[in-house]
Amino acid sequence: MKKLKTKLVVSFLLIAMTYFTNAQNISTPRVSQQATITQRLGLSDVTIVYHSPGVRGRQIFGGIVSTGNIWRAGANENTTIHFKHDATVEGKKIAAGTYGLFMIPGEDEFQILFSKYHQSWGTVSPAEDELALQVSVKPEAIPFQEWLSYDFTDRGSNSLTAVLQWEKLRIPFKIEFDVDKIVIDNARAELKGLAGFGWRGYMQAANYCLQNDTNLEEAMTWIDQSITNSKGFSNLQVKAGLLAKKGQVAEAMEIMEEAIPTGSPNQLNNYGYQLLGAGKTKEAIKVFTLNVEKNQDDPFIWGFIDSLGEAYLKDGNEKMALKYYKLAKTKAPQNQHAYLDGVITGIEKQ
C-alpha cells in the first residue's frame, strides 16, 4: 500500500512538473505557418486549414515527400478540409463535415484521402474504418513555387477545383455541390421562420426556381402565397414567368397586364429592357411609353425617355428615336449631354 502511495505521489509530481514547464513557454513564430482558405459556392463553403512549409533548397516530391508514402499535405498538425453541405469529390459522394486531408504521391497519379479523424499531428495514416473517401487525380507541372499553398480555381455555378501547389507540382481535385437542392432546402427551412411572414421571401424562393428552371410546381405555390400576402409588380411578374414556363402564355400576359399599372418607374424600365432582350420590341415600346407618360415628374425622366428612344431605334424607326433622344437631352443633367449628342449625331449621319 505504501509503495502504491509513493508511485501515485511520483506520478502526480511528474504531471505537475510537465504542466509547470509547458506553462512557462511563450508563443513564437513557427517555421511553417498556419493558413486558412475558404471559398463559397452557392450557399456552401469549402474551408482548408493547413500549415505552409517552404522548399528551402530541398527536393520535395520524390524527396522529402516520397513516392508511395502517405503525406499530411502540409506541415505540423493535420491539414483539414471542411464541407458545409454534402458534396462530391471527383464524382464520389462525401458527407458534410471536417476531414483530415492526406495525399499519397505516385509516379503518374496522386491518391487523395479524406479521413474522419482530423486531429493528429504529423502524418498519422487513417485506419480503414476512419477513411471517408479516397480518389485519384493527375498532378500538373507548374513554375517553381517556394511556399506550399492551396487555392480554389475553375469556379462555376455548381463546382470548383481545390488545388495544392508546391515546388513544381499542382495537385487539383474537383468539388461539386447540388446547389439547387441546397438552396431550395434552405428556402423551405427559412420560410418556416421570419421569412415566411411577409411576401418577399416566398417571391425570392419562387424566382430562384424560375431563373434556374427547377422545382417549378412548388415555386407556383410559393408565388401564390407571396401574392396573397401582398400583391405587387415583382411577384406578379414572377408568376407570369412561371406560367410562361408551363406554356400558359395567354395567362402570363394577363398577369402582366395586371402588373404593369402597379410598377415603379425603375421596374417598368427594367421590364421594358427584358422585352427588348427577348426581341419583343413593340411590346417594349408600349411599356416605355407608359412609363414616360406616368412619370413626368420623376427626376430620372430623361433616362426613361432615353430608353424609349433606344427601343424605337432598335425597331428601325429613326425618326421617332431622334425625337425622343432630343427630348431626353432637354431633361438630362449636363453630364449626360455629351452621350446624348453622340447618339443624336450618329442617327443623323445614317
Protein backbone atom coordinates (compact mmCIF):
# COMPACT_ATOMS: atom_id res chain seq x y z
CA MET A 1 0.00 0.00 0.00
CA LYS A 2 2.90 2.33 0.91
CA LYS A 3 4.59 1.61 -2.45
CA LEU A 4 1.33 2.42 -4.30
CA LYS A 5 1.07 5.74 -2.48
CA THR A 6 4.68 6.52 -3.35
CA LYS A 7 4.02 5.78 -7.07
CA LEU A 8 0.94 7.98 -7.07
CA VAL A 9 2.86 10.86 -5.48
CA VAL A 10 5.69 10.49 -8.02
CA SER A 11 3.19 10.40 -10.92
CA PHE A 12 1.47 13.49 -9.60
CA LEU A 13 4.78 15.32 -9.28
CA LEU A 14 5.78 14.39 -12.83
CA ILE A 15 2.46 15.64 -14.21
CA ALA A 16 2.75 18.84 -12.19
CA MET A 17 6.32 19.44 -13.40
CA THR A 18 5.31 18.85 -17.02
CA TYR A 19 2.40 21.27 -16.73
CA PHE A 20 4.58 23.85 -14.99
CA THR A 21 7.29 23.52 -17.66
CA ASN A 22 4.79 23.90 -20.51
CA ALA A 23 3.12 26.82 -18.77
CA GLN A 24 6.42 28.70 -18.90
CA ASN A 25 6.56 28.54 -22.70
CA ILE A 26 5.78 31.61 -24.78
CA SER A 27 4.32 31.70 -28.27
CA THR A 28 6.90 32.12 -31.03
CA PRO A 29 6.57 32.02 -34.83
CA ARG A 30 6.57 28.60 -36.43
CA VAL A 31 8.69 27.85 -39.47
CA SER A 32 5.64 26.55 -41.37
CA GLN A 33 2.89 29.00 -40.51
CA GLN A 34 -0.81 28.24 -40.45
CA ALA A 35 -3.07 29.41 -43.27
CA THR A 36 -6.79 29.15 -43.95
CA ILE A 37 -8.62 29.50 -47.25
CA THR A 38 -12.41 29.47 -47.69
CA GLN A 39 -14.48 29.61 -50.86
CA ARG A 40 -18.25 29.90 -51.10
CA LEU A 41 -20.17 28.13 -53.84
CA GLY A 42 -23.89 28.86 -53.83
CA LEU A 43 -24.72 28.66 -50.12
CA SER A 44 -21.90 26.20 -49.36
CA ASP A 45 -18.41 26.84 -48.02
CA VAL A 46 -15.25 24.79 -48.50
CA THR A 47 -12.50 25.59 -45.98
CA ILE A 48 -8.96 24.22 -45.96
CA VAL A 49 -6.72 24.78 -42.90
CA TYR A 50 -3.06 23.91 -43.37
CA HIS A 51 0.50 24.80 -42.42
CA SER A 52 2.65 26.14 -45.24
CA PRO A 53 6.26 24.89 -45.45
CA GLY A 54 8.87 26.29 -47.82
CA VAL A 55 11.08 24.37 -50.23
CA ARG A 56 14.25 25.84 -48.68
CA GLY A 57 16.51 24.24 -51.27
CA ARG A 58 15.19 20.72 -50.71
CA GLN A 59 13.81 18.25 -53.22
CA ILE A 60 10.13 17.96 -52.34
CA PHE A 61 8.25 15.45 -54.49
CA GLY A 62 10.34 12.31 -54.82
CA GLY A 63 12.45 13.67 -51.93
CA ILE A 64 11.08 14.60 -48.51
CA VAL A 65 7.58 13.81 -49.87
CA SER A 66 8.37 10.33 -51.04
CA THR A 67 6.57 8.40 -53.76
CA GLY A 68 4.13 5.79 -52.48
CA ASN A 69 4.06 7.05 -48.89
CA ILE A 70 1.22 8.89 -47.17
CA TRP A 71 1.75 12.62 -46.52
CA ARG A 72 -0.22 15.12 -44.44
CA ALA A 73 -0.46 17.54 -47.43
CA GLY A 74 1.09 20.33 -45.39
CA ALA A 75 3.18 20.58 -42.21
CA ASN A 76 2.72 20.33 -38.42
CA GLU A 77 -0.91 19.46 -37.49
CA ASN A 78 -3.26 17.61 -39.79
CA THR A 79 -4.33 19.53 -42.89
CA THR A 80 -8.13 19.68 -42.73
CA ILE A 81 -10.92 20.32 -45.20
CA HIS A 82 -14.47 21.26 -44.22
CA PHE A 83 -17.59 20.92 -46.40
CA LYS A 84 -20.61 22.88 -45.17
CA HIS A 85 -23.00 20.62 -47.12
CA ASP A 86 -22.86 17.16 -48.68
CA ALA A 87 -20.64 17.26 -51.75
CA THR A 88 -18.88 15.12 -54.32
CA VAL A 89 -15.12 15.00 -54.84
CA GLU A 90 -14.01 13.79 -58.25
CA GLY A 91 -17.55 12.47 -58.70
CA LYS A 92 -17.65 10.50 -55.41
CA LYS A 93 -20.01 11.44 -52.57
CA ILE A 94 -18.77 12.81 -49.26
CA ALA A 95 -20.93 13.95 -46.34
CA ALA A 96 -20.82 17.43 -44.85
CA GLY A 97 -18.17 17.74 -42.13
CA THR A 98 -14.47 18.20 -41.38
CA TYR A 99 -11.88 15.70 -42.62
CA GLY A 100 -8.17 15.14 -42.35
CA LEU A 101 -6.63 15.65 -45.78
CA PHE A 102 -3.81 13.32 -46.85
CA MET A 103 -2.08 12.51 -50.13
CA ILE A 104 -0.07 9.59 -51.47
CA PRO A 105 2.18 10.70 -54.35
CA GLY A 106 2.60 8.31 -57.27
CA GLU A 107 4.56 8.43 -60.50
CA ASP A 108 1.55 9.46 -62.60
CA GLU A 109 -1.27 9.89 -60.06
CA PHE A 110 -1.81 11.16 -56.54
CA GLN A 111 -4.21 9.45 -54.15
CA ILE A 112 -6.16 11.94 -52.05
CA LEU A 113 -7.51 10.60 -48.76
CA PHE A 114 -10.22 12.13 -46.58
CA SER A 115 -10.04 10.87 -43.01
CA LYS A 116 -12.88 11.09 -40.49
CA TYR A 117 -10.16 11.68 -37.87
CA HIS A 118 -8.59 15.12 -38.32
CA GLN A 119 -6.87 15.96 -35.05
CA SER A 120 -3.47 14.31 -35.47
CA TRP A 121 -0.04 15.92 -35.51
CA GLY A 122 2.21 14.84 -38.34
CA THR A 123 1.33 12.09 -40.76
CA VAL A 124 -0.80 9.50 -38.99
CA SER A 125 -2.25 7.11 -41.53
CA PRO A 126 -6.03 6.75 -41.11
CA ALA A 127 -7.26 3.28 -40.27
CA GLU A 128 -9.54 1.64 -42.81
CA ASP A 129 -12.69 2.45 -40.83
CA GLU A 130 -11.56 6.09 -40.47
CA LEU A 131 -11.29 6.63 -44.22
CA ALA A 132 -14.30 8.53 -45.60
CA LEU A 133 -13.15 8.77 -49.21
CA GLN A 134 -10.19 8.14 -51.49
CA VAL A 135 -9.84 9.49 -55.04
CA SER A 136 -7.14 9.56 -57.72
CA VAL A 137 -6.05 12.70 -59.57
CA LYS A 138 -3.39 13.69 -62.08
CA PRO A 139 -0.69 16.14 -60.91
CA GLU A 140 0.26 19.01 -63.23
CA ALA A 141 3.56 20.81 -63.77
CA ILE A 142 3.81 24.47 -62.70
CA PRO A 143 6.55 27.09 -62.43
CA PHE A 144 8.57 26.85 -59.21
CA GLN A 145 6.68 27.87 -56.05
CA GLU A 146 8.60 28.24 -52.79
CA TRP A 147 5.70 28.07 -50.34
CA LEU A 148 3.06 25.36 -50.20
CA SER A 149 -0.37 26.88 -50.73
CA TYR A 150 -3.95 25.94 -51.52
CA ASP A 151 -6.30 27.75 -53.87
CA PHE A 152 -9.73 27.38 -55.47
CA THR A 153 -9.93 27.65 -59.26
CA ASP A 154 -12.32 26.88 -62.14
CA ARG A 155 -15.26 28.21 -60.14
CA GLY A 156 -18.62 27.57 -61.81
CA SER A 157 -22.22 27.61 -60.66
CA ASN A 158 -22.06 24.11 -59.15
CA SER A 159 -18.38 23.19 -58.92
CA LEU A 160 -14.87 24.41 -58.21
CA THR A 161 -11.40 22.91 -58.11
CA ALA A 162 -9.30 22.82 -54.95
CA VAL A 163 -5.58 22.94 -55.72
CA LEU A 164 -2.43 22.23 -53.71
CA GLN A 165 0.60 23.98 -55.24
CA TRP A 166 4.20 23.49 -54.16
CA GLU A 167 7.65 23.25 -55.71
CA LYS A 168 6.90 22.36 -59.34
CA LEU A 169 3.62 20.47 -58.97
CA ARG A 170 -0.06 21.33 -58.80
CA ILE A 171 -2.49 18.72 -57.42
CA PRO A 172 -6.12 19.55 -58.30
CA PHE A 173 -9.33 17.87 -57.16
CA LYS A 174 -12.84 18.84 -58.27
CA ILE A 175 -15.57 19.55 -55.71
CA GLU A 176 -19.26 19.77 -56.61
CA PHE A 177 -22.41 20.71 -54.67
CA ASP A 178 -26.05 20.19 -55.62
CA VAL A 179 -26.58 23.94 -55.38
CA ASP A 180 -30.25 23.94 -56.45
CA LYS A 181 -31.18 21.31 -53.85
CA ILE A 182 -29.27 23.13 -51.12
CA VAL A 183 -30.86 26.49 -51.96
CA ILE A 184 -34.38 25.02 -52.15
CA ASP A 185 -33.99 23.02 -48.92
CA ASN A 186 -32.71 26.17 -47.25
CA ALA A 187 -35.64 28.20 -48.61
CA ARG A 188 -38.12 25.67 -47.19
CA ALA A 189 -36.45 25.97 -43.79
CA GLU A 190 -36.24 29.78 -43.82
CA LEU A 191 -39.86 30.14 -44.92
CA LYS A 192 -40.85 28.39 -41.69
CA GLY A 193 -39.22 31.31 -39.84
CA LEU A 194 -39.39 35.10 -40.15
CA ALA A 195 -39.06 35.00 -43.95
CA GLY A 196 -42.43 33.25 -44.11
CA PHE A 197 -44.36 36.12 -42.53
CA GLY A 198 -44.10 38.50 -45.49
CA TRP A 199 -44.30 38.37 -49.28
CA ARG A 200 -40.67 38.86 -50.25
CA GLY A 201 -39.20 35.54 -49.07
CA TYR A 202 -41.79 33.48 -50.96
CA MET A 203 -41.19 35.57 -54.07
CA GLN A 204 -37.39 35.19 -53.84
CA ALA A 205 -37.71 31.40 -53.48
CA ALA A 206 -40.09 31.22 -56.45
CA ASN A 207 -37.88 33.50 -58.54
CA TYR A 208 -34.81 31.34 -57.84
CA CYS A 209 -36.71 28.34 -59.17
CA LEU A 210 -37.86 30.31 -62.21
CA GLN A 211 -34.36 31.56 -63.06
CA ASN A 212 -32.86 28.08 -62.64
CA ASP A 213 -35.74 26.15 -64.22
CA THR A 214 -36.19 23.84 -61.25
CA ASN A 215 -38.87 22.88 -58.68
CA LEU A 216 -41.49 24.81 -60.68
CA GLU A 217 -44.60 23.27 -59.08
CA GLU A 218 -43.56 24.26 -55.57
CA ALA A 219 -42.44 27.62 -56.93
CA MET A 220 -46.01 28.25 -58.07
CA THR A 221 -47.35 27.61 -54.56
CA TRP A 222 -44.71 29.97 -53.16
CA ILE A 223 -45.55 32.79 -55.55
CA ASP A 224 -49.27 32.40 -54.88
CA GLN A 225 -48.55 32.75 -51.16
CA SER A 226 -46.44 35.84 -51.86
CA ILE A 227 -49.29 37.42 -53.84
CA THR A 228 -51.76 36.52 -51.10
CA ASN A 229 -49.56 38.24 -48.52
CA SER A 230 -49.09 41.39 -50.64
CA LYS A 231 -49.73 41.73 -54.37
CA GLY A 232 -47.33 43.86 -56.40
CA PHE A 233 -45.40 44.16 -59.65
CA SER A 234 -42.48 41.98 -58.54
CA ASN A 235 -44.41 38.88 -57.51
CA LEU A 236 -46.92 39.23 -60.35
CA GLN A 237 -44.00 39.30 -62.80
CA VAL A 238 -42.54 36.12 -61.28
CA LYS A 239 -45.93 34.40 -61.54
CA ALA A 240 -46.17 35.44 -65.19
CA GLY A 241 -42.73 33.94 -65.79
CA LEU A 242 -43.74 30.66 -64.16
CA LEU A 243 -46.91 30.49 -66.24
CA ALA A 244 -44.91 31.13 -69.40
CA LYS A 245 -42.54 28.29 -68.43
CA LYS A 246 -45.56 25.98 -68.30
CA GLY A 247 -46.65 27.13 -71.76
CA GLN A 248 -49.56 29.19 -70.42
CA VAL A 249 -48.59 32.28 -72.41
CA ALA A 250 -52.06 33.88 -72.55
CA GLU A 251 -52.42 33.60 -68.76
CA ALA A 252 -48.92 35.07 -68.33
CA MET A 253 -49.82 38.06 -70.49
CA GLU A 254 -52.99 38.65 -68.43
CA ILE A 255 -50.94 38.68 -65.24
CA MET A 256 -48.51 41.22 -66.71
CA GLU A 257 -51.40 43.44 -67.84
CA GLU A 258 -52.45 43.46 -64.19
CA ALA A 259 -48.88 44.07 -63.01
CA ILE A 260 -47.84 46.95 -65.28
CA PRO A 261 -50.03 49.68 -63.70
CA THR A 262 -48.54 48.84 -60.28
CA GLY A 263 -44.91 49.06 -61.40
CA SER A 264 -42.48 51.69 -60.18
CA PRO A 265 -40.58 53.73 -62.81
CA ASN A 266 -37.49 51.55 -62.44
CA GLN A 267 -39.49 48.31 -62.51
CA LEU A 268 -41.23 49.36 -65.73
CA ASN A 269 -37.93 50.46 -67.28
CA ASN A 270 -36.30 47.14 -66.39
CA TYR A 271 -39.28 45.19 -67.72
CA GLY A 272 -39.10 47.14 -70.97
CA TYR A 273 -35.46 46.09 -71.35
CA GLN A 274 -36.39 42.47 -70.65
CA LEU A 275 -38.87 42.68 -73.52
CA LEU A 276 -36.22 44.27 -75.75
CA GLY A 277 -33.79 41.47 -74.88
CA ALA A 278 -36.45 38.90 -75.79
CA GLY A 279 -36.95 40.52 -79.20
CA LYS A 280 -40.41 41.91 -78.27
CA THR A 281 -39.67 45.43 -79.47
CA LYS A 282 -43.27 46.60 -79.99
CA GLU A 283 -44.26 45.47 -76.50
CA ALA A 284 -41.18 47.21 -75.08
CA ILE A 285 -42.16 50.48 -76.78
CA LYS A 286 -45.61 50.30 -75.16
CA VAL A 287 -44.10 49.78 -71.70
CA PHE A 288 -41.50 52.55 -72.13
CA THR A 289 -44.20 54.92 -73.46
CA LEU A 290 -46.43 54.24 -70.46
CA ASN A 291 -43.51 54.79 -68.13
CA VAL A 292 -42.71 58.17 -69.68
CA GLU A 293 -46.36 59.28 -69.62
CA LYS A 294 -46.88 58.24 -65.98
CA ASN A 295 -43.69 59.65 -64.53
CA GLN A 296 -43.10 63.11 -66.00
CA ASP A 297 -42.08 64.46 -62.59
CA ASP A 298 -39.56 61.73 -61.86
CA PRO A 299 -36.01 63.14 -61.51
CA PHE A 300 -34.75 60.39 -63.83
CA ILE A 301 -37.37 61.01 -66.52
CA TRP A 302 -34.67 61.76 -69.09
CA GLY A 303 -33.37 58.17 -68.68
CA PHE A 304 -36.81 56.69 -69.30
CA ILE A 305 -37.19 58.86 -72.41
CA ASP A 306 -33.72 57.68 -73.50
CA SER A 307 -34.94 54.06 -73.12
CA LEU A 308 -37.92 54.82 -75.37
CA GLY A 309 -35.59 56.32 -77.97
CA GLU A 310 -33.42 53.18 -77.82
CA ALA A 311 -36.47 50.96 -78.38
CA TYR A 312 -37.58 52.96 -81.41
CA LEU A 313 -34.04 52.81 -82.81
CA LYS A 314 -33.98 49.04 -82.37
CA ASP A 315 -37.37 48.92 -84.13
CA GLY A 316 -35.85 50.74 -87.13
CA ASN A 317 -37.86 53.94 -86.59
CA GLU A 318 -35.06 56.51 -86.68
CA LYS A 319 -37.44 59.49 -86.83
CA MET A 320 -39.12 58.59 -83.53
CA ALA A 321 -35.79 57.58 -81.98
CA LEU A 322 -34.32 61.01 -82.85
CA LYS A 323 -37.39 62.74 -81.40
CA TYR A 324 -37.06 61.03 -78.02
CA TYR A 325 -33.27 61.30 -77.78
CA LYS A 326 -33.57 65.08 -78.36
CA LEU A 327 -36.34 65.27 -75.76
CA ALA A 328 -34.19 63.29 -73.32
CA LYS A 329 -31.40 65.87 -73.76
CA THR A 330 -33.71 68.72 -72.70
CA LYS A 331 -34.43 66.86 -69.44
CA ALA A 332 -30.99 65.39 -68.78
CA PRO A 333 -28.29 66.81 -66.48
CA GLN A 334 -25.29 68.48 -68.15
CA ASN A 335 -23.01 65.48 -67.60
CA GLN A 336 -25.22 63.36 -69.91
CA HIS A 337 -25.30 65.80 -72.83
CA ALA A 338 -22.14 64.51 -74.48
CA TYR A 339 -23.51 60.96 -74.50
CA LEU A 340 -26.86 62.07 -75.96
CA ASP A 341 -25.18 64.35 -78.52
CA GLY A 342 -23.13 61.36 -79.68
CA VAL A 343 -26.27 59.22 -80.12
CA ILE A 344 -28.15 62.00 -81.91
CA THR A 345 -25.23 62.73 -84.26
CA GLY A 346 -24.89 59.02 -85.03
CA ILE A 347 -28.58 58.76 -86.03
CA GLU A 348 -28.47 61.95 -88.13
CA LYS A 349 -25.48 60.65 -90.09
CA GLN A 350 -27.23 57.41 -91.06
